């Protein structure tokens, strides 16, 4: 915020305080905060609490706002004289102490602050008032930035207006889903079909700028638990994969070792075979002279055991022909 804008804000706040002090030089203390009238229906009550709890979840990290519902808003002496104590079904006020407990919203006790966002949950008996007198009050007296109306029994009843200081309330154009954007909240208002407190219907819900549903506290807790469970499963799967990889490496190492042993045994057998082959050739050469090449090739194909047996024969046979007869 620039120094110029800050000065303008302080000036406006000072003016608001002066106007309130002028209207209420001695603020009344006998304010009524409960008229004993319930909401239109159980669905209206649930719908209001869904909106309140969603905002509380969305702004859980903040304490500079107040969210309320079905609470009286006191703002003028004329209102007190007329005993017009009805308040919005849902409203949000920013830049206030959110830690303070309140029975209602009393403007002269709140530095002249009015609701920034209001939602009225209509019914056939209140629709004309919500879109008529109340809308005028929120526009002309409260100067509420965003105002919405919705009948919990009529999914297509959502309407909204954004305050233009020069032109007053201007209708908010819905997006491709039929949702309405609240500039002050930085959230979408849209219809969500589902089950809440054993009631399955179309509920008015908040969505963030990425069009993700703003969870209720219970939903957020469940989502967090599901995410933790999924993370645990992923970690377990990763551990199993690592274990399987380790086992595979061990198996590979064992296979390599076994292969090495096999290769060593083969080499050993080949060495023994070649040694027996050369020894047999020496004996034959010493006894019978030069050995024909084709005989050498036949002998080279024999096993160690066969060669060793032939060495014994080579020492005792009388001629190469007799030897070859033994060879078969």
C-alpha atoms as a PDB file:
ATOM      1  CA  UNK A   1       0.000   0.000   0.000  1.00  0.00           C
ATOM      2  CA  UNK A   2       1.418   3.423  -0.947  1.00  0.00           C
ATOM      3  CA  UNK A   3       1.617   6.322   1.542  1.00  0.00           C
ATOM      4  CA  UNK A   4      -1.033   8.140  -0.498  1.00  0.00           C
ATOM      5  CA  UNK A   5      -3.450   5.178  -0.392  1.00  0.00           C
ATOM      6  CA  UNK A   6      -2.728   4.658   3.300  1.00  0.00           C
ATOM      7  CA  UNK A   7      -3.575   8.294   4.020  1.00  0.00           C
ATOM      8  CA  UNK A   8      -6.820   7.961   2.033  1.00  0.00           C
ATOM      9  CA  UNK A   9      -7.746   4.830   4.010  1.00  0.00           C
ATOM     10  CA  UNK A  10      -6.983   6.507   7.330  1.00  0.00           C
ATOM     11  CA  UNK A  11      -8.983   9.520   6.239  1.00  0.00           C
ATOM     12  CA  UNK A  12     -11.960   7.383   5.293  1.00  0.00           C
ATOM     13  CA  UNK A  13     -11.719   5.497   8.587  1.00  0.00           C
ATOM     14  CA  UNK A  14     -11.575   8.748  10.568  1.00  0.00           C
ATOM     15  CA  UNK A  15     -14.614  10.026   8.668  1.00  0.00           C
ATOM     16  CA  UNK A  16     -16.498   6.778   9.338  1.00  0.00           C
ATOM     17  CA  UNK A  17     -15.684   6.998  13.041  1.00  0.00           C
ATOM     18  CA  UNK A  18     -16.906  10.604  13.124  1.00  0.00           C
ATOM     19  CA  UNK A  19     -20.175   9.703  11.376  1.00  0.00           C
ATOM     20  CA  UNK A  20     -20.795   6.801  13.753  1.00  0.00           C
ATOM     21  CA  UNK A  21     -19.971   8.959  16.769  1.00  0.00           C
ATOM     22  CA  UNK A  22     -22.348  11.621  15.467  1.00  0.00           C
ATOM     23  CA  UNK A  23     -25.161   9.104  15.007  1.00  0.00           C
ATOM     24  CA  UNK A  24     -24.421   7.291  18.270  1.00  0.00           C
ATOM     25  CA  UNK A  25     -23.018   9.837  20.727  1.00  0.00           C
ATOM     26  CA  UNK A  26     -23.982   7.314  23.404  1.00  0.00           C
ATOM     27  CA  UNK A  27     -24.024   3.859  21.750  1.00  0.00           C
ATOM     28  CA  UNK A  28     -26.896   1.663  22.979  1.00  0.00           C
ATOM     29  CA  UNK A  29     -26.002  -1.245  25.216  1.00  0.00           C
ATOM     30  CA  UNK A  30     -29.303  -3.158  25.196  1.00  0.00           C
ATOM     31  CA  UNK A  31     -28.757  -4.814  21.803  1.00  0.00           C
ATOM     32  CA  UNK A  32     -30.641  -7.984  20.914  1.00  0.00           C
ATOM     33  CA  UNK A  33     -28.625 -10.760  19.278  1.00  0.00           C
ATOM     34  CA  UNK A  34     -31.230 -13.532  19.087  1.00  0.00           C
ATOM     35  CA  UNK A  35     -34.754 -13.159  17.786  1.00  0.00           C
ATOM     36  CA  UNK A  36     -35.551 -16.810  18.384  1.00  0.00           C
ATOM     37  CA  UNK A  37     -36.372 -17.403  14.713  1.00  0.00           C
ATOM     38  CA  UNK A  38     -34.720 -20.491  13.150  1.00  0.00           C
ATOM     39  CA  UNK A  39     -33.416 -20.632   9.588  1.00  0.00           C
ATOM     40  CA  UNK A  40     -35.851 -21.507   6.822  1.00  0.00           C
ATOM     41  CA  UNK A  41     -34.949 -25.220   6.842  1.00  0.00           C
ATOM     42  CA  UNK A  42     -32.366 -27.740   7.956  1.00  0.00           C
ATOM     43  CA  UNK A  43     -30.839 -27.515   4.501  1.00  0.00           C
ATOM     44  CA  UNK A  44     -30.460 -23.744   4.896  1.00  0.00           C
ATOM     45  CA  UNK A  45     -28.722 -24.306   8.241  1.00  0.00           C
ATOM     46  CA  UNK A  46     -26.331 -26.877   6.772  1.00  0.00           C
ATOM     47  CA  UNK A  47     -25.686 -24.674   3.726  1.00  0.00           C
ATOM     48  CA  UNK A  48     -24.764 -21.736   5.969  1.00  0.00           C
ATOM     49  CA  UNK A  49     -22.395 -23.838   8.094  1.00  0.00           C
ATOM     50  CA  UNK A  50     -20.785 -25.298   4.980  1.00  0.00           C
ATOM     51  CA  UNK A  51     -19.920 -21.792   3.787  1.00  0.00           C
ATOM     52  CA  UNK A  52     -18.651 -20.666   7.210  1.00  0.00           C
ATOM     53  CA  UNK A  53     -16.566 -23.784   7.817  1.00  0.00           C
ATOM     54  CA  UNK A  54     -15.121 -23.693   4.292  1.00  0.00           C
ATOM     55  CA  UNK A  55     -13.895 -20.119   4.726  1.00  0.00           C
ATOM     56  CA  UNK A  56     -12.511 -20.982   8.169  1.00  0.00           C
ATOM     57  CA  UNK A  57     -10.577 -23.836   6.549  1.00  0.00           C
ATOM     58  CA  UNK A  58      -9.393 -21.749   3.589  1.00  0.00           C
ATOM     59  CA  UNK A  59      -8.148 -18.896   5.793  1.00  0.00           C
ATOM     60  CA  UNK A  60      -7.002 -21.043   8.731  1.00  0.00           C
ATOM     61  CA  UNK A  61      -3.567 -19.397   8.524  1.00  0.00           C
ATOM     62  CA  UNK A  62      -5.038 -15.903   8.994  1.00  0.00           C
ATOM     63  CA  UNK A  63      -6.508 -14.017  11.956  1.00  0.00           C
ATOM     64  CA  UNK A  64      -7.351 -10.727  10.218  1.00  0.00           C
ATOM     65  CA  UNK A  65     -10.913 -11.571   9.226  1.00  0.00           C
ATOM     66  CA  UNK A  66     -14.271 -12.499  10.729  1.00  0.00           C
ATOM     67  CA  UNK A  67     -16.804 -14.891   9.235  1.00  0.00           C
ATOM     68  CA  UNK A  68     -20.336 -15.211  10.552  1.00  0.00           C
ATOM     69  CA  UNK A  69     -23.803 -16.305   9.647  1.00  0.00           C
ATOM     70  CA  UNK A  70     -27.397 -15.586  10.668  1.00  0.00           C
ATOM     71  CA  UNK A  71     -26.077 -12.825  12.947  1.00  0.00           C
ATOM     72  CA  UNK A  72     -27.493  -9.367  13.490  1.00  0.00           C
ATOM     73  CA  UNK A  73     -25.616  -6.437  12.004  1.00  0.00           C
ATOM     74  CA  UNK A  74     -26.217  -3.156  13.800  1.00  0.00           C
ATOM     75  CA  UNK A  75     -25.368  -0.094  11.758  1.00  0.00           C
ATOM     76  CA  UNK A  76     -27.834   2.790  12.337  1.00  0.00           C
ATOM     77  CA  UNK A  77     -30.196   4.362  14.853  1.00  0.00           C
ATOM     78  CA  UNK A  78     -33.045   4.122  12.334  1.00  0.00           C
ATOM     79  CA  UNK A  79     -32.467   0.390  12.155  1.00  0.00           C
ATOM     80  CA  UNK A  80     -32.710   0.200  15.951  1.00  0.00           C
ATOM     81  CA  UNK A  81     -35.929   2.256  16.001  1.00  0.00           C
ATOM     82  CA  UNK A  82     -37.470   0.012  13.341  1.00  0.00           C
ATOM     83  CA  UNK A  83     -36.236  -3.078  15.203  1.00  0.00           C
ATOM     84  CA  UNK A  84     -34.914  -4.461  11.920  1.00  0.00           C
ATOM     85  CA  UNK A  85     -32.451  -6.886  13.453  1.00  0.00           C
ATOM     86  CA  UNK A  86     -32.146  -9.447  10.697  1.00  0.00           C
ATOM     87  CA  UNK A  87     -28.628 -10.109   9.477  1.00  0.00           C
ATOM     88  CA  UNK A  88     -27.086 -11.876   6.467  1.00  0.00           C
ATOM     89  CA  UNK A  89     -27.039 -15.672   6.326  1.00  0.00           C
ATOM     90  CA  UNK A  90     -23.300 -15.500   5.641  1.00  0.00           C
ATOM     91  CA  UNK A  91     -20.790 -12.660   5.664  1.00  0.00           C
ATOM     92  CA  UNK A  92     -17.055 -12.025   5.802  1.00  0.00           C
ATOM     93  CA  UNK A  93     -15.269  -8.911   7.055  1.00  0.00           C
ATOM     94  CA  UNK A  94     -11.562  -8.411   6.408  1.00  0.00           C
ATOM     95  CA  UNK A  95      -8.945  -6.289   8.199  1.00  0.00           C
ATOM     96  CA  UNK A  96     -10.430  -6.885  11.660  1.00  0.00           C
ATOM     97  CA  UNK A  97      -9.357  -8.836  14.745  1.00  0.00           C
ATOM     98  CA  UNK A  98     -10.436 -12.374  13.940  1.00  0.00           C
ATOM     99  CA  UNK A  99      -9.612 -13.660  17.430  1.00  0.00           C
ATOM    100  CA  UNK A 100     -12.348 -11.587  19.075  1.00  0.00           C
ATOM    101  CA  UNK A 101     -15.565 -13.406  19.966  1.00  0.00           C
ATOM    102  CA  UNK A 102     -18.744 -11.672  18.823  1.00  0.00           C
ATOM    103  CA  UNK A 103     -22.476 -12.235  19.336  1.00  0.00           C
ATOM    104  CA  UNK A 104     -23.238 -10.065  16.342  1.00  0.00           C
ATOM    105  CA  UNK A 105     -21.666  -7.394  14.194  1.00  0.00           C
ATOM    106  CA  UNK A 106     -21.918  -3.905  15.686  1.00  0.00           C
ATOM    107  CA  UNK A 107     -20.510  -1.398  13.223  1.00  0.00           C
ATOM    108  CA  UNK A 108     -19.751   1.348  15.758  1.00  0.00           C
ATOM    109  CA  UNK A 109     -17.710  -1.167  17.795  1.00  0.00           C
ATOM    110  CA  UNK A 110     -15.808  -2.338  14.712  1.00  0.00           C
ATOM    111  CA  UNK A 111     -14.182   0.916  13.579  1.00  0.00           C
ATOM    112  CA  UNK A 112     -16.969   1.488  11.065  1.00  0.00           C
ATOM    113  CA  UNK A 113     -16.245  -1.764   9.199  1.00  0.00           C
ATOM    114  CA  UNK A 114     -19.028  -3.377   7.170  1.00  0.00           C
ATOM    115  CA  UNK A 115     -19.081  -6.858   5.569  1.00  0.00           C
ATOM    116  CA  UNK A 116     -16.919  -7.238   2.469  1.00  0.00           C
ATOM    117  CA  UNK A 117     -18.812 -10.267   1.187  1.00  0.00           C
ATOM    118  CA  UNK A 118     -22.404 -11.321   1.868  1.00  0.00           C
ATOM    119  CA  UNK A 119     -24.362 -14.406   0.805  1.00  0.00           C
ATOM    120  CA  UNK A 120     -28.096 -14.735   1.379  1.00  0.00           C
ATOM    121  CA  UNK A 121     -29.645 -18.204   1.277  1.00  0.00           C
ATOM    122  CA  UNK A 122     -33.004 -17.481  -0.272  1.00  0.00           C
ATOM    123  CA  UNK A 123     -36.365 -19.169   0.036  1.00  0.00           C
ATOM    124  CA  UNK A 124     -39.650 -18.385  -1.752  1.00  0.00           C
ATOM    125  CA  UNK A 125     -40.632 -16.168   1.189  1.00  0.00           C
ATOM    126  CA  UNK A 126     -37.386 -14.158   1.258  1.00  0.00           C
ATOM    127  CA  UNK A 127     -36.313 -14.021  -2.415  1.00  0.00           C
ATOM    128  CA  UNK A 128     -37.915 -10.628  -3.124  1.00  0.00           C
ATOM    129  CA  UNK A 129     -36.378  -9.117   0.015  1.00  0.00           C
ATOM    130  CA  UNK A 130     -32.930 -10.622  -0.620  1.00  0.00           C
ATOM    131  CA  UNK A 131     -32.827  -9.257  -4.176  1.00  0.00           C
ATOM    132  CA  UNK A 132     -34.634  -6.027  -3.280  1.00  0.00           C
ATOM    133  CA  UNK A 133     -34.401  -4.190   0.032  1.00  0.00           C
ATOM    134  CA  UNK A 134     -31.409  -6.121   1.371  1.00  0.00           C
ATOM    135  CA  UNK A 135     -29.526  -5.770  -1.894  1.00  0.00           C
ATOM    136  CA  UNK A 136     -30.096  -1.997  -1.767  1.00  0.00           C
ATOM    137  CA  UNK A 137     -28.865  -1.801   1.829  1.00  0.00           C
ATOM    138  CA  UNK A 138     -25.729  -3.839   1.064  1.00  0.00           C
ATOM    139  CA  UNK A 139     -25.033  -1.695  -1.991  1.00  0.00           C
ATOM    140  CA  UNK A 140     -25.875   1.810  -0.751  1.00  0.00           C
ATOM    141  CA  UNK A 141     -25.169   1.647   3.002  1.00  0.00           C
ATOM    142  CA  UNK A 142     -22.765  -1.254   3.563  1.00  0.00           C
ATOM    143  CA  UNK A 143     -20.908  -0.790   0.254  1.00  0.00           C
ATOM    144  CA  UNK A 144     -20.289  -4.537   0.352  1.00  0.00           C
ATOM    145  CA  UNK A 145     -17.913  -5.527  -2.461  1.00  0.00           C
ATOM    146  CA  UNK A 146     -19.519  -8.870  -3.409  1.00  0.00           C
ATOM    147  CA  UNK A 147     -23.109  -9.951  -2.852  1.00  0.00           C
ATOM    148  CA  UNK A 148     -24.558 -13.352  -3.757  1.00  0.00           C
ATOM    149  CA  UNK A 149     -27.947 -15.031  -3.417  1.00  0.00           C
ATOM    150  CA  UNK A 150     -28.749 -18.749  -3.635  1.00  0.00           C
ATOM    151  CA  UNK A 151     -31.744 -20.949  -2.877  1.00  0.00           C
ATOM    152  CA  UNK A 152     -30.489 -24.312  -1.515  1.00  0.00           C
ATOM    153  CA  UNK A 153     -33.501 -25.997  -3.121  1.00  0.00           C
ATOM    154  CA  UNK A 154     -32.853 -24.488  -6.567  1.00  0.00           C
ATOM    155  CA  UNK A 155     -29.396 -25.293  -8.065  1.00  0.00           C
ATOM    156  CA  UNK A 156     -29.828 -22.749 -10.871  1.00  0.00           C
ATOM    157  CA  UNK A 157     -30.678 -19.838  -8.555  1.00  0.00           C
ATOM    158  CA  UNK A 158     -27.115 -18.593  -7.934  1.00  0.00           C
ATOM    159  CA  UNK A 159     -26.694 -14.886  -8.757  1.00  0.00           C
ATOM    160  CA  UNK A 160     -24.071 -12.362  -7.760  1.00  0.00           C
ATOM    161  CA  UNK A 161     -23.086  -8.708  -7.985  1.00  0.00           C
ATOM    162  CA  UNK A 162     -19.791  -6.845  -7.625  1.00  0.00           C
ATOM    163  CA  UNK A 163     -19.774  -3.247  -6.435  1.00  0.00           C
ATOM    164  CA  UNK A 164     -18.650  -0.622  -8.902  1.00  0.00           C
ATOM    165  CA  UNK A 165     -18.230   2.671  -7.032  1.00  0.00           C
ATOM    166  CA  UNK A 166     -19.473   4.651 -10.021  1.00  0.00           C
ATOM    167  CA  UNK A 167     -22.266   2.358 -11.224  1.00  0.00           C
ATOM    168  CA  UNK A 168     -23.273   0.437  -8.102  1.00  0.00           C
ATOM    169  CA  UNK A 169     -23.836  -3.320  -8.174  1.00  0.00           C
ATOM    170  CA  UNK A 170     -22.999  -4.938 -11.493  1.00  0.00           C
ATOM    171  CA  UNK A 171     -23.994  -8.556 -12.248  1.00  0.00           C
ATOM    172  CA  UNK A 172     -21.108 -11.045 -12.082  1.00  0.00           C
ATOM    173  CA  UNK A 173     -20.725 -13.045 -15.290  1.00  0.00           C
ATOM    174  CA  UNK A 174     -20.550 -16.818 -14.657  1.00  0.00           C
ATOM    175  CA  UNK A 175     -17.671 -18.897 -16.004  1.00  0.00           C
ATOM    176  CA  UNK A 176     -17.985 -22.004 -18.206  1.00  0.00           C
ATOM    177  CA  UNK A 177     -19.178 -24.009 -15.191  1.00  0.00           C
ATOM    178  CA  UNK A 178     -21.758 -21.449 -14.150  1.00  0.00           C
ATOM    179  CA  UNK A 179     -19.637 -20.393 -11.168  1.00  0.00           C
ATOM    180  CA  UNK A 180     -19.322 -16.798  -9.948  1.00  0.00           C
ATOM    181  CA  UNK A 181     -16.028 -15.176  -8.981  1.00  0.00           C
ATOM    182  CA  UNK A 182     -15.723 -13.315  -5.677  1.00  0.00           C
ATOM    183  CA  UNK A 183     -13.011 -10.747  -6.214  1.00  0.00           C
ATOM    184  CA  UNK A 184     -12.845  -9.910  -2.519  1.00  0.00           C
ATOM    185  CA  UNK A 185     -12.490 -13.526  -1.396  1.00  0.00           C
ATOM    186  CA  UNK A 186     -10.353 -14.585  -4.339  1.00  0.00           C
ATOM    187  CA  UNK A 187     -12.582 -17.635  -4.679  1.00  0.00           C
ATOM    188  CA  UNK A 188     -15.237 -19.076  -6.979  1.00  0.00           C
ATOM    189  CA  UNK A 189     -18.762 -19.817  -5.802  1.00  0.00           C
ATOM    190  CA  UNK A 190     -20.225 -22.854  -7.522  1.00  0.00           C
ATOM    191  CA  UNK A 191     -22.529 -25.817  -7.180  1.00  0.00           C
ATOM    192  CA  UNK A 192     -21.209 -29.114  -5.786  1.00  0.00           C
ATOM    193  CA  UNK A 193     -23.315 -32.244  -5.700  1.00  0.00           C
ATOM    194  CA  UNK A 194     -22.615 -34.529  -2.783  1.00  0.00           C
ATOM    195  CA  UNK A 195     -23.510 -35.762   0.694  1.00  0.00           C
ATOM    196  CA  UNK A 196     -23.134 -33.590   3.781  1.00  0.00           C
ATOM    197  CA  UNK A 197     -24.596 -34.576   7.157  1.00  0.00           C
ATOM    198  CA  UNK A 198     -26.655 -37.330   5.529  1.00  0.00           C
ATOM    199  CA  UNK A 199     -28.182 -34.919   3.025  1.00  0.00           C
ATOM    200  CA  UNK A 200     -27.331 -35.498  -0.636  1.00  0.00           C
ATOM    201  CA  UNK A 201     -28.112 -32.492  -2.817  1.00  0.00           C
ATOM    202  CA  UNK A 202     -26.561 -29.569  -4.685  1.00  0.00           C
ATOM    203  CA  UNK A 203     -24.592 -27.445  -2.217  1.00  0.00           C
ATOM    204  CA  UNK A 204     -23.126 -23.987  -2.676  1.00  0.00           C
ATOM    205  CA  UNK A 205     -19.354 -24.397  -2.252  1.00  0.00           C
ATOM    206  CA  UNK A 206     -16.180 -22.374  -2.645  1.00  0.00           C
ATOM    207  CA  UNK A 207     -13.468 -23.200  -5.182  1.00  0.00           C
ATOM    208  CA  UNK A 208      -9.978 -21.707  -5.407  1.00  0.00           C
ATOM    209  CA  UNK A 209      -8.560 -19.867  -8.409  1.00  0.00           C
ATOM    210  CA  UNK A 210      -7.468 -23.205  -9.909  1.00  0.00           C
ATOM    211  CA  UNK A 211     -11.077 -24.452  -9.588  1.00  0.00           C
ATOM    212  CA  UNK A 212     -10.208 -26.889  -6.792  1.00  0.00           C
ATOM    213  CA  UNK A 213     -12.878 -27.473  -4.166  1.00  0.00           C
ATOM    214  CA  UNK A 214     -12.251 -25.694  -0.870  1.00  0.00           C
ATOM    215  CA  UNK A 215     -12.492 -28.454   1.697  1.00  0.00           C
ATOM    216  CA  UNK A 216     -14.479 -28.479   4.881  1.00  0.00           C
ATOM    217  CA  UNK A 217     -12.318 -29.202   7.957  1.00  0.00           C
ATOM    218  CA  UNK A 218     -13.460 -32.848   8.016  1.00  0.00           C
ATOM    219  CA  UNK A 219     -12.756 -33.220   4.291  1.00  0.00           C
ATOM    220  CA  UNK A 220      -9.335 -31.596   4.719  1.00  0.00           C
ATOM    221  CA  UNK A 221      -8.518 -33.994   7.572  1.00  0.00           C
ATOM    222  CA  UNK A 222      -9.630 -36.973   5.473  1.00  0.00           C
ATOM    223  CA  UNK A 223      -7.631 -35.725   2.481  1.00  0.00           C
ATOM    224  CA  UNK A 224      -4.575 -35.287   4.700  1.00  0.00           C
ATOM    225  CA  UNK A 225      -5.044 -38.784   6.138  1.00  0.00           C
ATOM    226  CA  UNK A 226      -5.492 -40.244   2.647  1.00  0.00           C
ATOM    227  CA  UNK A 227      -2.380 -38.424   1.445  1.00  0.00           C
ATOM    228  CA  UNK A 228      -0.425 -39.741   4.443  1.00  0.00           C
ATOM    229  CA  UNK A 229      -1.708 -43.261   3.779  1.00  0.00           C
ATOM    230  CA  UNK A 230      -0.844 -42.976   0.085  1.00  0.00           C
ATOM    231  CA  UNK A 231       2.617 -41.698   1.043  1.00  0.00           C
ATOM    232  CA  UNK A 232       3.048 -44.629   3.425  1.00  0.00           C
ATOM    233  CA  UNK A 233       1.957 -47.078   0.718  1.00  0.00           C
ATOM    234  CA  UNK A 234       4.348 -45.423  -1.731  1.00  0.00           C
ATOM    235  CA  UNK A 235       7.184 -45.678   0.800  1.00  0.00           C
ATOM    236  CA  UNK A 236       6.308 -49.329   1.435  1.00  0.00           C
ATOM    237  CA  UNK A 237       6.188 -50.013  -2.298  1.00  0.00           C
ATOM    238  CA  UNK A 238       9.530 -48.256  -2.693  1.00  0.00           C
ATOM    239  CA  UNK A 239      10.991 -50.362   0.117  1.00  0.00           C
ATOM    240  CA  UNK A 240       9.660 -53.535  -1.506  1.00  0.00           C
ATOM    241  CA  UNK A 241      11.095 -52.419  -4.839  1.00  0.00           C
ATOM    242  CA  UNK A 242      14.469 -51.732  -3.214  1.00  0.00           C
ATOM    243  CA  UNK A 243      14.336 -55.131  -1.514  1.00  0.00           C
ATOM    244  CA  UNK A 244      13.435 -56.835  -4.791  1.00  0.00           C
ATOM    245  CA  UNK A 245      16.251 -54.965  -6.529  1.00  0.00           C
ATOM    246  CA  UNK A 246      18.705 -56.054  -3.832  1.00  0.00           C
ATOM    247  CA  UNK A 247      17.525 -59.651  -4.143  1.00  0.00           C
ATOM    248  CA  UNK A 248      17.892 -59.417  -7.910  1.00  0.00           C
ATOM    249  CA  UNK A 249      21.441 -58.109  -7.502  1.00  0.00           C
ATOM    250  CA  UNK A 250      22.242 -60.975  -5.126  1.00  0.00           C
ATOM    251  CA  UNK A 251      20.756 -63.451  -7.623  1.00  0.00           C
ATOM    252  CA  UNK A 252      22.801 -61.893 -10.405  1.00  0.00           C
ATOM    253  CA  UNK A 253      25.933 -62.081  -8.274  1.00  0.00           C
ATOM    254  CA  UNK A 254      25.198 -65.707  -7.453  1.00  0.00           C
ATOM    255  CA  UNK A 255      24.561 -66.437 -11.119  1.00  0.00           C
ATOM    256  CA  UNK A 256      27.823 -64.738 -12.049  1.00  0.00           C
ATOM    257  CA  UNK A 257      29.648 -66.738  -9.370  1.00  0.00           C
ATOM    258  CA  UNK A 258      28.085 -69.987 -10.526  1.00  0.00           C
ATOM    259  CA  UNK A 259      28.885 -69.131 -14.117  1.00  0.00           C
ATOM    260  CA  UNK A 260      32.454 -68.345 -13.126  1.00  0.00           C
ATOM    261  CA  UNK A 261      32.678 -71.687 -11.347  1.00  0.00           C
ATOM    262  CA  UNK A 262      31.264 -73.446 -14.387  1.00  0.00           C
ATOM    263  CA  UNK A 263      33.686 -71.652 -16.651  1.00  0.00           C
ATOM    264  CA  UNK A 264      36.530 -72.547 -14.318  1.00  0.00           C
ATOM    265  CA  UNK A 265      35.459 -76.185 -14.289  1.00  0.00           C
ATOM    266  CA  UNK A 266      35.189 -76.186 -18.083  1.00  0.00           C
ATOM    267  CA  UNK A 267      38.654 -74.634 -18.354  1.00  0.00           C
ATOM    268  CA  UNK A 268      39.989 -77.180 -15.889  1.00  0.00           C
ATOM    269  CA  UNK A 269      38.479 -80.047 -17.855  1.00  0.00           C
ATOM    270  CA  UNK A 270      39.835 -78.602 -21.081  1.00  0.00           C
ATOM    271  CA  UNK A 271      43.302 -78.307 -19.537  1.00  0.00           C
ATOM    272  CA  UNK A 272      43.164 -81.911 -18.277  1.00  0.00           C
ATOM    273  CA  UNK A 273      41.915 -83.071 -21.674  1.00  0.00           C
ATOM    274  CA  UNK A 274      44.712 -81.245 -23.488  1.00  0.00           C
ATOM    275  CA  UNK A 275      47.289 -82.600 -21.030  1.00  0.00           C
ATOM    276  CA  UNK A 276      46.057 -86.174 -21.500  1.00  0.00           C
ATOM    277  CA  UNK A 277      45.941 -85.647 -25.284  1.00  0.00           C
ATOM    278  CA  UNK A 278      49.544 -84.411 -25.442  1.00  0.00           C
ATOM    279  CA  UNK A 279      50.762 -87.198 -23.153  1.00  0.00           C
ATOM    280  CA  UNK A 280      49.079 -89.828 -25.369  1.00  0.00           C
ATOM    281  CA  UNK A 281      50.662 -88.302 -28.490  1.00  0.00           C
ATOM    282  CA  UNK A 282      54.144 -88.447 -26.884  1.00  0.00           C
ATOM    283  CA  UNK A 283      53.694 -92.109 -25.970  1.00  0.00           C
ATOM    284  CA  UNK A 284      52.422 -92.984 -29.442  1.00  0.00           C
ATOM    285  CA  UNK A 285      55.211 -90.990 -31.126  1.00  0.00           C
ATOM    286  CA  UNK A 286      57.901 -92.603 -28.984  1.00  0.00           C
ATOM    287  CA  UNK A 287      56.620 -96.079 -29.746  1.00  0.00           C
ATOM    288  CA  UNK A 288      55.365 -95.834 -33.316  1.00  0.00           C
ATOM    289  CA  UNK A 289      56.934 -92.751 -34.844  1.00  0.00           C
ATOM    290  CA  UNK A 290      54.990 -89.955 -36.546  1.00  0.00           C
ATOM    291  CA  UNK A 291      51.222 -90.140 -35.973  1.00  0.00           C
ATOM    292  CA  UNK A 292      48.932 -89.344 -38.918  1.00  0.00           C
ATOM    293  CA  UNK A 293      47.037 -86.040 -38.698  1.00  0.00           C
ATOM    294  CA  UNK A 294      43.624 -87.706 -39.010  1.00  0.00           C
ATOM    295  CA  UNK A 295      44.489 -89.912 -35.992  1.00  0.00           C
ATOM    296  CA  UNK A 296      45.420 -86.816 -33.962  1.00  0.00           C
ATOM    297  CA  UNK A 297      42.105 -85.180 -34.843  1.00  0.00           C
ATOM    298  CA  UNK A 298      40.204 -88.286 -33.692  1.00  0.00           C
ATOM    299  CA  UNK A 299      42.130 -88.402 -30.431  1.00  0.00           C
ATOM    300  CA  UNK A 300      41.594 -84.649 -29.807  1.00  0.00           C
ATOM    301  CA  UNK A 301      37.812 -85.203 -29.610  1.00  0.00           C
ATOM    302  CA  UNK A 302      38.050 -87.757 -26.777  1.00  0.00           C
ATOM    303  CA  UNK A 303      37.383 -87.122 -23.093  1.00  0.00           C
ATOM    304  CA  UNK A 304      39.998 -87.135 -20.333  1.00  0.00           C
ATOM    305  CA  UNK A 305      38.876 -90.555 -19.138  1.00  0.00           C
ATOM    306  CA  UNK A 306      39.038 -92.018 -22.654  1.00  0.00           C
ATOM    307  CA  UNK A 307      42.496 -90.513 -23.257  1.00  0.00           C
ATOM    308  CA  UNK A 308      43.817 -91.865 -19.951  1.00  0.00           C
ATOM    309  CA  UNK A 309      42.570 -95.388 -20.836  1.00  0.00           C
ATOM    310  CA  UNK A 310      44.253 -95.147 -24.262  1.00  0.00           C
ATOM    311  CA  UNK A 311      47.563 -94.157 -22.644  1.00  0.00           C
ATOM    312  CA  UNK A 312      47.551 -97.501 -20.840  1.00  0.00           C
ATOM    313  CA  UNK A 313      46.795 -99.276 -24.133  1.00  0.00           C
ATOM    314  CA  UNK A 314      49.537 -97.301 -25.967  1.00  0.00           C
ATOM    315  CA  UNK A 315      52.155 -98.668 -23.553  1.00  0.00           C
ATOM    316  CA  UNK A 316      51.110-102.322 -24.078  1.00  0.00           C
ATOM    317  CA  UNK A 317      49.968-102.582 -27.715  1.00  0.00           C
ATOM    318  CA  UNK A 318      52.398-104.009 -30.277  1.00  0.00           C
ATOM    319  CA  UNK A 319      51.643-101.692 -33.210  1.00  0.00           C
ATOM    320  CA  UNK A 320      49.828 -98.531 -34.222  1.00  0.00           C
ATOM    321  CA  UNK A 321      47.329-100.622 -36.143  1.00  0.00           C
ATOM    322  CA  UNK A 322      46.545-102.635 -32.986  1.00  0.00           C
ATOM    323  CA  UNK A 323      46.188 -99.347 -31.124  1.00  0.00           C
ATOM    324  CA  UNK A 324      43.808 -97.963 -33.755  1.00  0.00           C
ATOM    325  CA  UNK A 325      41.840-101.237 -33.588  1.00  0.00           C
ATOM    326  CA  UNK A 326      41.417-100.583 -29.854  1.00  0.00           C
ATOM    327  CA  UNK A 327      40.395 -97.010 -30.659  1.00  0.00           C
ATOM    328  CA  UNK A 328      37.462 -98.386 -32.756  1.00  0.00           C
END
